[in-house]
Amino acid sequence: MEKIETRTNMRTALFAVAVAATFILMTMPDAHAATTGSVFQLAYTTLVGWVQGYGGKVFAVLAFFVGLGVAAWTKSLLPPLLGIGIAFLVAYGIPIIEGVATATI
């Protein structure tokens, strides 16, 4: 008897979730993912300036030297490689992201 009540409760809950999800999807406004605004332009320009300028170079060098320090401590070569990977992402990450974000089909 308990299993039947549990199944009925589960079906009722599942139906309620389905109705709520349908209602939410029907009342959502249209998404405008391709439209751009000037809301985040200043933040984007500032962050790109930091990463591509001396701040990014300092961050990359520090990541490498922290990796060297961890490598000396743990006697492993993986941390300096991670530092080089972080330096690579700092140097080439922004152009890659811009290329992906502005790609057209």
Protein backbone atom coordinates (compact mmCIF):
# COMPACT_ATOMS: atom_id res chain seq x y z
CA MET A 1 0.00 0.00 0.00
CA GLU A 2 2.88 2.32 0.81
CA LYS A 3 4.46 1.86 -2.63
CA ILE A 4 1.25 2.85 -4.39
CA GLU A 5 0.99 6.05 -2.32
CA THR A 6 4.66 6.86 -2.99
CA ARG A 7 4.19 6.36 -6.74
CA THR A 8 1.09 8.54 -6.72
CA ASN A 9 2.95 11.25 -4.82
CA MET A 10 5.89 11.03 -7.23
CA ARG A 11 3.60 11.29 -10.26
CA THR A 12 1.82 14.27 -8.75
CA ALA A 13 5.11 15.99 -7.97
CA LEU A 14 6.47 15.25 -11.45
CA PHE A 15 3.29 16.61 -13.04
CA ALA A 16 3.52 19.76 -10.91
CA VAL A 17 7.15 20.29 -11.94
CA ALA A 18 6.25 19.77 -15.62
CA VAL A 19 3.40 22.28 -15.40
CA ALA A 20 5.62 24.82 -13.62
CA ALA A 21 8.42 24.38 -16.18
CA THR A 22 5.97 24.77 -19.06
CA PHE A 23 4.54 27.92 -17.49
CA ILE A 24 8.00 29.39 -16.94
CA LEU A 25 9.08 28.62 -20.50
CA MET A 26 5.89 30.10 -21.96
CA THR A 27 6.18 33.35 -20.00
CA MET A 28 9.89 33.98 -20.57
CA PRO A 29 10.77 36.95 -22.74
CA ASP A 30 12.73 36.41 -25.93
CA ALA A 31 16.46 35.98 -25.46
CA HIS A 32 18.66 38.39 -27.35
CA ALA A 33 22.05 36.74 -27.02
CA ALA A 34 23.50 38.32 -30.14
CA THR A 35 22.68 41.89 -29.19
CA THR A 36 25.35 43.88 -27.46
CA GLY A 37 25.18 46.86 -25.25
CA SER A 38 27.59 49.22 -23.62
CA VAL A 39 26.85 47.95 -20.13
CA PHE A 40 29.94 45.77 -19.80
CA GLN A 41 32.16 47.54 -22.34
CA LEU A 42 34.15 49.47 -19.72
CA ALA A 43 34.73 46.36 -17.57
CA TYR A 44 35.75 44.33 -20.64
CA THR A 45 38.15 47.00 -21.87
CA THR A 46 39.68 47.35 -18.40
CA LEU A 47 40.18 43.61 -17.91
CA VAL A 48 41.64 43.13 -21.40
CA GLY A 49 44.00 46.05 -20.77
CA TRP A 50 45.18 44.48 -17.53
CA VAL A 51 45.66 41.02 -19.02
CA GLN A 52 47.40 42.16 -22.20
CA GLY A 53 49.48 44.79 -20.43
CA TYR A 54 52.09 44.61 -17.72
CA GLY A 55 49.62 43.18 -15.21
CA GLY A 56 49.20 40.07 -17.33
CA LYS A 57 52.94 39.72 -17.79
CA VAL A 58 53.53 40.03 -14.04
CA PHE A 59 50.79 37.46 -13.38
CA ALA A 60 52.31 35.03 -15.90
CA VAL A 61 55.82 35.38 -14.48
CA LEU A 62 54.54 34.97 -10.93
CA ALA A 63 52.60 31.85 -11.92
CA PHE A 64 55.75 30.38 -13.41
CA PHE A 65 57.90 31.18 -10.37
CA VAL A 66 55.27 29.87 -7.95
CA GLY A 67 55.24 26.70 -10.06
CA LEU A 68 59.02 26.49 -9.76
CA GLY A 69 58.78 26.91 -6.00
CA VAL A 70 56.15 24.19 -5.70
CA ALA A 71 58.27 21.96 -7.96
CA ALA A 72 61.26 22.43 -5.71
CA TRP A 73 59.14 21.65 -2.68
CA THR A 74 57.37 18.56 -4.10
CA LYS A 75 60.12 17.40 -6.49
CA SER A 76 57.68 17.27 -9.40
CA LEU A 77 57.87 18.90 -12.82
CA LEU A 78 54.13 19.40 -13.20
CA PRO A 79 53.80 22.76 -11.35
CA PRO A 80 56.18 24.69 -13.65
CA LEU A 81 54.34 23.24 -16.64
CA LEU A 82 51.09 24.52 -15.15
CA GLY A 83 52.75 27.92 -14.73
CA ILE A 84 53.78 27.87 -18.39
CA GLY A 85 50.22 26.89 -19.30
CA ILE A 86 48.83 29.81 -17.31
CA ALA A 87 51.33 32.15 -18.98
CA PHE A 88 50.22 30.81 -22.38
CA LEU A 89 46.55 31.38 -21.53
CA VAL A 90 47.28 34.90 -20.32
CA ALA A 91 49.16 35.69 -23.53
CA TYR A 92 46.84 34.02 -26.05
CA GLY A 93 43.56 33.52 -24.21
CA ILE A 94 41.95 36.87 -25.01
CA PRO A 95 42.48 36.66 -28.81
CA ILE A 96 41.16 33.08 -28.79
CA ILE A 97 38.07 34.07 -26.81
CA GLU A 98 37.47 37.10 -29.04
CA GLY A 99 37.81 34.91 -32.13
CA VAL A 100 35.30 32.40 -30.80
CA ALA A 101 32.86 35.05 -29.58
CA THR A 102 32.88 37.03 -32.82
CA ALA A 103 32.90 34.05 -35.21
CA THR A 104 30.18 34.01 -37.82
CA ILE A 105 28.91 31.08 -39.76
